[in-house]
Amino acid sequence: MSTKIFVNLPVKDLKRSMSFFKTLGFEFNPQFTDDTAACMVIADDIYAMLLTHAKFKMFTKKEIADTTRFTEALTALSCESKGKVDDLVETALKAGAVESGNLQDYGFMYGRSFDDLDGHTWEIFWMDPSHIRKT
């Protein structure tokens, strides 16, 4: 089995969060989705688990971060083009997200970011593949 990543994010209203991310084009794996958690498929081996606060608290002894005041993580997703970056961010903004940073355009890399309905920051970027060194 290949290594997979599951980013766990606490959400206040699971159905509302699912609707938001469906608007952005993401699908959910019903095998790992119920009234307390939803498995959002980002890529073949990358998932975001949207968890109700009660469910999230089952996995940690720490308080859930108040994302209106603190950043708990920056989740960065790559896109295939600058246009796709803009499309995804604009769709998120129309669905209720808030743009959380300035557009960054370095020529070889282009990015924008938004805070979702629960204040989680998503960095959406494109990088010119010719600038990535193969090791």
Foldseek 3Di string as FASTA:
>chain_A
DDAADEAEDEDAQVVLQVVLVVLLVWDWDPVQDDRAWTWTDPDPRYTYIYGYLVRVCVPDPDDDDQLVVDAPDEAEDEDADPVSQVVSVVSQVVSPWAWDDDWDCPPQKTWTWTQHPRNHIYIYMYGNVVPDDDD
